[in-house]
Amino acid sequence: MCESTVLLKSAEGISSIMPEAIAVRDDGGIITCVDILGREVTVDGARIAEIDLLRHRVLLSRS
């Protein structure tokens, strides 16, 4: 499958936001992650820092 782990890097370290996301949207600083069941997690004040397709990983960063 094509799910990716979404991680958030902040001053406190790196934490997992969603382990199996199928979609990640950036709506002007509000990141929305969606899993295969349609559950959504939003992260305000973040940006997409890195997308690693080989490792199925999306790294978000909060300034």
PDB file of N, CA and C in Angstrom:
ATOM      1  N   MET A   1       0.838  -1.175   0.000  1.00  0.00           N
ATOM      2  CA  MET A   1       0.000   0.000   0.000  1.00  0.00           C
ATOM      3  C   MET A   1       0.887   1.243   0.000  1.00  0.00           C
ATOM      4  N   CYS A   2       0.249   2.384  -0.022  1.00  0.00           N
ATOM      5  CA  CYS A   2       0.982   3.645  -0.141  1.00  0.00           C
ATOM      6  C   CYS A   2       0.800   4.561   1.062  1.00  0.00           C
ATOM      7  N   GLU A   3       0.583   3.995   2.228  1.00  0.00           N
ATOM      8  CA  GLU A   3       0.445   4.818   3.419  1.00  0.00           C
ATOM      9  C   GLU A   3       1.808   5.341   3.854  1.00  0.00           C
ATOM     10  N   SER A   4       1.783   6.491   4.500  1.00  0.00           N
ATOM     11  CA  SER A   4       3.008   7.085   5.019  1.00  0.00           C
ATOM     12  C   SER A   4       2.821   7.480   6.475  1.00  0.00           C
ATOM     13  N   THR A   5       3.909   7.447   7.213  1.00  0.00           N
ATOM     14  CA  THR A   5       3.911   7.921   8.591  1.00  0.00           C
ATOM     15  C   THR A   5       4.137   9.427   8.570  1.00  0.00           C
ATOM     16  N   VAL A   6       3.301  10.158   9.296  1.00  0.00           N
ATOM     17  CA  VAL A   6       3.456  11.608   9.390  1.00  0.00           C
ATOM     18  C   VAL A   6       4.038  11.925  10.759  1.00  0.00           C
ATOM     19  N   LEU A   7       5.178  12.618  10.749  1.00  0.00           N
ATOM     20  CA  LEU A   7       5.890  12.982  11.973  1.00  0.00           C
ATOM     21  C   LEU A   7       5.941  14.497  12.100  1.00  0.00           C
ATOM     22  N   LEU A   8       5.962  14.995  13.329  1.00  0.00           N
ATOM     23  CA  LEU A   8       6.069  16.429  13.584  1.00  0.00           C
ATOM     24  C   LEU A   8       7.339  16.703  14.370  1.00  0.00           C
ATOM     25  N   LYS A   9       8.191  17.574  13.800  1.00  0.00           N
ATOM     26  CA  LYS A   9       9.420  17.994  14.470  1.00  0.00           C
ATOM     27  C   LYS A   9       9.172  19.361  15.104  1.00  0.00           C
ATOM     28  N   SER A  10       9.399  19.444  16.414  1.00  0.00           N
ATOM     29  CA  SER A  10       9.222  20.704  17.138  1.00  0.00           C
ATOM     30  C   SER A  10      10.379  20.866  18.119  1.00  0.00           C
ATOM     31  N   ALA A  11      10.323  21.892  18.927  1.00  0.00           N
ATOM     32  CA  ALA A  11      11.380  22.134  19.918  1.00  0.00           C
ATOM     33  C   ALA A  11      11.481  20.994  20.922  1.00  0.00           C
ATOM     34  N   GLU A  12      10.372  20.280  21.145  1.00  0.00           N
ATOM     35  CA  GLU A  12      10.352  19.161  22.096  1.00  0.00           C
ATOM     36  C   GLU A  12      10.900  17.867  21.501  1.00  0.00           C
ATOM     37  N   GLY A  13      11.091  17.818  20.187  1.00  0.00           N
ATOM     38  CA  GLY A  13      11.581  16.610  19.524  1.00  0.00           C
ATOM     39  C   GLY A  13      10.667  16.205  18.382  1.00  0.00           C
ATOM     40  N   ILE A  14      10.704  14.922  18.020  1.00  0.00           N
ATOM     41  CA  ILE A  14       9.893  14.403  16.919  1.00  0.00           C
ATOM     42  C   ILE A  14       8.820  13.486  17.488  1.00  0.00           C
ATOM     43  N   SER A  15       7.572  13.725  17.067  1.00  0.00           N
ATOM     44  CA  SER A  15       6.459  12.895  17.529  1.00  0.00           C
ATOM     45  C   SER A  15       5.645  12.414  16.332  1.00  0.00           C
ATOM     46  N   SER A  16       5.003  11.270  16.495  1.00  0.00           N
ATOM     47  CA  SER A  16       4.175  10.700  15.441  1.00  0.00           C
ATOM     48  C   SER A  16       2.797  11.350  15.466  1.00  0.00           C
ATOM     49  N   ILE A  17       2.349  11.826  14.322  1.00  0.00           N
ATOM     50  CA  ILE A  17       1.033  12.449  14.191  1.00  0.00           C
ATOM     51  C   ILE A  17       0.018  11.435  13.678  1.00  0.00           C
ATOM     52  N   MET A  18       0.402  10.678  12.640  1.00  0.00           N
ATOM     53  CA  MET A  18      -0.477   9.661  12.074  1.00  0.00           C
ATOM     54  C   MET A  18       0.403   8.562  11.472  1.00  0.00           C
ATOM     55  N   PRO A  19       0.221   7.310  11.898  1.00  0.00           N
ATOM     56  CA  PRO A  19       1.098   6.237  11.427  1.00  0.00           C
ATOM     57  C   PRO A  19       0.821   5.763  10.002  1.00  0.00           C
ATOM     58  N   GLU A  20      -0.403   5.913   9.504  1.00  0.00           N
ATOM     59  CA  GLU A  20      -0.732   5.393   8.171  1.00  0.00           C
ATOM     60  C   GLU A  20      -1.613   6.375   7.408  1.00  0.00           C
ATOM     61  N   ALA A  21      -1.039   7.514   7.030  1.00  0.00           N
ATOM     62  CA  ALA A  21      -1.788   8.532   6.293  1.00  0.00           C
ATOM     63  C   ALA A  21      -1.820   8.186   4.809  1.00  0.00           C
ATOM     64  N   ILE A  22      -2.972   8.449   4.176  1.00  0.00           N
ATOM     65  CA  ILE A  22      -3.070   8.262   2.724  1.00  0.00           C
ATOM     66  C   ILE A  22      -3.089   9.605   1.998  1.00  0.00           C
ATOM     67  N   ALA A  23      -3.299  10.698   2.747  1.00  0.00           N
ATOM     68  CA  ALA A  23      -3.304  12.030   2.147  1.00  0.00           C
ATOM     69  C   ALA A  23      -2.813  13.049   3.164  1.00  0.00           C
ATOM     70  N   VAL A  24      -2.085  14.045   2.654  1.00  0.00           N
ATOM     71  CA  VAL A  24      -1.608  15.150   3.486  1.00  0.00           C
ATOM     72  C   VAL A  24      -1.842  16.428   2.684  1.00  0.00           C
ATOM     73  N   ARG A  25      -2.587  17.375   3.271  1.00  0.00           N
ATOM     74  CA  ARG A  25      -2.896  18.636   2.601  1.00  0.00           C
ATOM     75  C   ARG A  25      -2.347  19.803   3.413  1.00  0.00           C
ATOM     76  N   ASP A  26      -1.820  20.798   2.695  1.00  0.00           N
ATOM     77  CA  ASP A  26      -1.345  22.033   3.323  1.00  0.00           C
ATOM     78  C   ASP A  26      -2.295  23.153   2.923  1.00  0.00           C
ATOM     79  N   ASP A  27      -3.050  23.644   3.878  1.00  0.00           N
ATOM     80  CA  ASP A  27      -3.992  24.733   3.642  1.00  0.00           C
ATOM     81  C   ASP A  27      -3.480  26.004   4.309  1.00  0.00           C
ATOM     82  N   GLY A  28      -2.362  26.506   3.814  1.00  0.00           N
ATOM     83  CA  GLY A  28      -1.811  27.755   4.331  1.00  0.00           C
ATOM     84  C   GLY A  28      -1.363  27.706   5.773  1.00  0.00           C
ATOM     85  N   GLY A  29      -0.586  26.715   6.126  1.00  0.00           N
ATOM     86  CA  GLY A  29      -0.074  26.589   7.492  1.00  0.00           C
ATOM     87  C   GLY A  29      -0.888  25.672   8.379  1.00  0.00           C
ATOM     88  N   ILE A  30      -1.994  25.166   7.854  1.00  0.00           N
ATOM     89  CA  ILE A  30      -2.770  24.145   8.559  1.00  0.00           C
ATOM     90  C   ILE A  30      -2.625  22.856   7.762  1.00  0.00           C
ATOM     91  N   ILE A  31      -1.954  21.872   8.347  1.00  0.00           N
ATOM     92  CA  ILE A  31      -1.724  20.591   7.686  1.00  0.00           C
ATOM     93  C   ILE A  31      -2.825  19.627   8.111  1.00  0.00           C
ATOM     94  N   THR A  32      -3.458  18.982   7.139  1.00  0.00           N
ATOM     95  CA  THR A  32      -4.494  17.993   7.415  1.00  0.00           C
ATOM     96  C   THR A  32      -4.019  16.642   6.909  1.00  0.00           C
ATOM     97  N   CYS A  33      -4.017  15.649   7.797  1.00  0.00           N
ATOM     98  CA  CYS A  33      -3.634  14.279   7.456  1.00  0.00           C
ATOM     99  C   CYS A  33      -4.893  13.417   7.511  1.00  0.00           C
ATOM    100  N   VAL A  34      -5.037  12.520   6.534  1.00  0.00           N
ATOM    101  CA  VAL A  34      -6.217  11.662   6.452  1.00  0.00           C
ATOM    102  C   VAL A  34      -5.761  10.214   6.343  1.00  0.00           C
ATOM    103  N   ASP A  35      -6.411   9.320   7.112  1.00  0.00           N
ATOM    104  CA  ASP A  35      -6.079   7.896   6.998  1.00  0.00           C
ATOM    105  C   ASP A  35      -7.106   7.186   6.115  1.00  0.00           C
ATOM    106  N   ILE A  36      -6.932   5.897   5.904  1.00  0.00           N
ATOM    107  CA  ILE A  36      -7.764   5.132   4.979  1.00  0.00           C
ATOM    108  C   ILE A  36      -9.226   5.043   5.426  1.00  0.00           C
ATOM    109  N   LEU A  37      -9.477   5.248   6.720  1.00  0.00           N
ATOM    110  CA  LEU A  37     -10.845   5.226   7.236  1.00  0.00           C
ATOM    111  C   LEU A  37     -11.495   6.609   7.218  1.00  0.00           C
ATOM    112  N   GLY A  38     -10.767   7.606   6.721  1.00  0.00           N
ATOM    113  CA  GLY A  38     -11.306   8.956   6.631  1.00  0.00           C
ATOM    114  C   GLY A  38     -11.103   9.805   7.868  1.00  0.00           C
ATOM    115  N   ARG A  39     -10.419   9.265   8.863  1.00  0.00           N
ATOM    116  CA  ARG A  39     -10.133  10.051  10.073  1.00  0.00           C
ATOM    117  C   ARG A  39      -9.119  11.136   9.735  1.00  0.00           C
ATOM    118  N   GLU A  40      -9.348  12.320  10.272  1.00  0.00           N
ATOM    119  CA  GLU A  40      -8.472  13.454   9.996  1.00  0.00           C
ATOM    120  C   GLU A  40      -7.790  13.952  11.264  1.00  0.00           C
ATOM    121  N   VAL A  41      -6.544  14.370  11.097  1.00  0.00           N
ATOM    122  CA  VAL A  41      -5.788  15.034  12.157  1.00  0.00           C
ATOM    123  C   VAL A  41      -5.262  16.327  11.548  1.00  0.00           C
ATOM    124  N   THR A  42      -5.483  17.449  12.230  1.00  0.00           N
ATOM    125  CA  THR A  42      -4.970  18.721  11.733  1.00  0.00           C
ATOM    126  C   THR A  42      -3.874  19.233  12.654  1.00  0.00           C
ATOM    127  N   VAL A  43      -2.890  19.874  12.044  1.00  0.00           N
ATOM    128  CA  VAL A  43      -1.770  20.464  12.778  1.00  0.00           C
ATOM    129  C   VAL A  43      -1.677  21.921  12.342  1.00  0.00           C
ATOM    130  N   ASP A  44      -1.941  22.830  13.258  1.00  0.00           N
ATOM    131  CA  ASP A  44      -1.918  24.257  12.962  1.00  0.00           C
ATOM    132  C   ASP A  44      -0.508  24.811  13.150  1.00  0.00           C
ATOM    133  N   GLY A  45      -0.116  25.714  12.280  1.00  0.00           N
ATOM    134  CA  GLY A  45       1.181  26.371  12.408  1.00  0.00           C
ATOM    135  C   GLY A  45       2.351  25.507  11.997  1.00  0.00           C
ATOM    136  N   ALA A  46       2.124  24.559  11.101  1.00  0.00           N
ATOM    137  CA  ALA A  46       3.196  23.660  10.654  1.00  0.00           C
ATOM    138  C   ALA A  46       3.396  23.800   9.147  1.00  0.00           C
ATOM    139  N   ARG A  47       4.499  23.261   8.686  1.00  0.00           N
ATOM    140  CA  ARG A  47       4.783  23.213   7.247  1.00  0.00           C
ATOM    141  C   ARG A  47       5.365  21.851   6.915  1.00  0.00           C
ATOM    142  N   ILE A  48       5.295  21.471   5.660  1.00  0.00           N
ATOM    143  CA  ILE A  48       5.892  20.212   5.224  1.00  0.00           C
ATOM    144  C   ILE A  48       7.384  20.457   5.030  1.00  0.00           C
ATOM    145  N   ALA A  49       8.208  19.782   5.822  1.00  0.00           N
ATOM    146  CA  ALA A  49       9.657  19.962   5.762  1.00  0.00           C
ATOM    147  C   ALA A  49      10.306  18.959   4.816  1.00  0.00           C
ATOM    148  N   GLU A  50       9.775  17.734   4.778  1.00  0.00           N
ATOM    149  CA  GLU A  50      10.391  16.679   3.959  1.00  0.00           C
ATOM    150  C   GLU A  50       9.356  15.613   3.629  1.00  0.00           C
ATOM    151  N   ILE A  51       9.418  15.126   2.396  1.00  0.00           N
ATOM    152  CA  ILE A  51       8.617  13.976   1.980  1.00  0.00           C
ATOM    153  C   ILE A  51       9.592  12.918   1.486  1.00  0.00           C
ATOM    154  N   ASP A  52       9.637  11.787   2.156  1.00  0.00           N
ATOM    155  CA  ASP A  52      10.532  10.687   1.800  1.00  0.00           C
ATOM    156  C   ASP A  52       9.677   9.536   1.275  1.00  0.00           C
ATOM    157  N   LEU A  53       9.564   9.430  -0.040  1.00  0.00           N
ATOM    158  CA  LEU A  53       8.706   8.411  -0.646  1.00  0.00           C
ATOM    159  C   LEU A  53       9.269   7.006  -0.470  1.00  0.00           C
ATOM    160  N   LEU A  54      10.573   6.871  -0.433  1.00  0.00           N
ATOM    161  CA  LEU A  54      11.186   5.556  -0.259  1.00  0.00           C
ATOM    162  C   LEU A  54      10.879   4.978   1.121  1.00  0.00           C
ATOM    163  N   ARG A  55      10.929   5.814   2.146  1.00  0.00           N
ATOM    164  CA  ARG A  55      10.671   5.365   3.522  1.00  0.00           C
ATOM    165  C   ARG A  55       9.220   5.569   3.955  1.00  0.00           C
ATOM    166  N   HIS A  56       8.380   6.070   3.054  1.00  0.00           N
ATOM    167  CA  HIS A  56       6.956   6.313   3.355  1.00  0.00           C
ATOM    168  C   HIS A  56       6.818   7.197   4.592  1.00  0.00           C
ATOM    169  N   ARG A  57       7.472   8.368   4.526  1.00  0.00           N
ATOM    170  CA  ARG A  57       7.520   9.257   5.684  1.00  0.00           C
ATOM    171  C   ARG A  57       7.320  10.705   5.246  1.00  0.00           C
ATOM    172  N   VAL A  58       6.480  11.427   5.982  1.00  0.00           N
ATOM    173  CA  VAL A  58       6.285  12.861   5.775  1.00  0.00           C
ATOM    174  C   VAL A  58       6.677  13.549   7.077  1.00  0.00           C
ATOM    175  N   LEU A  59       7.618  14.472   6.986  1.00  0.00           N
ATOM    176  CA  LEU A  59       8.091  15.192   8.166  1.00  0.00           C
ATOM    177  C   LEU A  59       7.537  16.610   8.135  1.00  0.00           C
ATOM    178  N   LEU A  60       6.790  16.961   9.174  1.00  0.00           N
ATOM    179  CA  LEU A  60       6.281  18.316   9.342  1.00  0.00           C
ATOM    180  C   LEU A  60       7.191  19.052  10.309  1.00  0.00           C
ATOM    181  N   SER A  61       7.215  20.370  10.183  1.00  0.00           N
ATOM    182  CA  SER A  61       8.042  21.183  11.070  1.00  0.00           C
ATOM    183  C   SER A  61       7.201  22.329  11.604  1.00  0.00           C
ATOM    184  N   ARG A  62       7.367  22.611  12.865  1.00  0.00           N
ATOM    185  CA  ARG A  62       6.683  23.741  13.489  1.00  0.00           C
ATOM    186  C   ARG A  62       7.754  24.744  13.895  1.00  0.00           C
ATOM    187  N   SER A  63       7.604  25.967  13.441  1.00  0.00           N
ATOM    188  CA  SER A  63       8.604  27.012  13.708  1.00  0.00           C
ATOM    189  C   SER A  63       8.604  27.439  15.150  1.00  0.00           C
TER     190      SER A  63
END
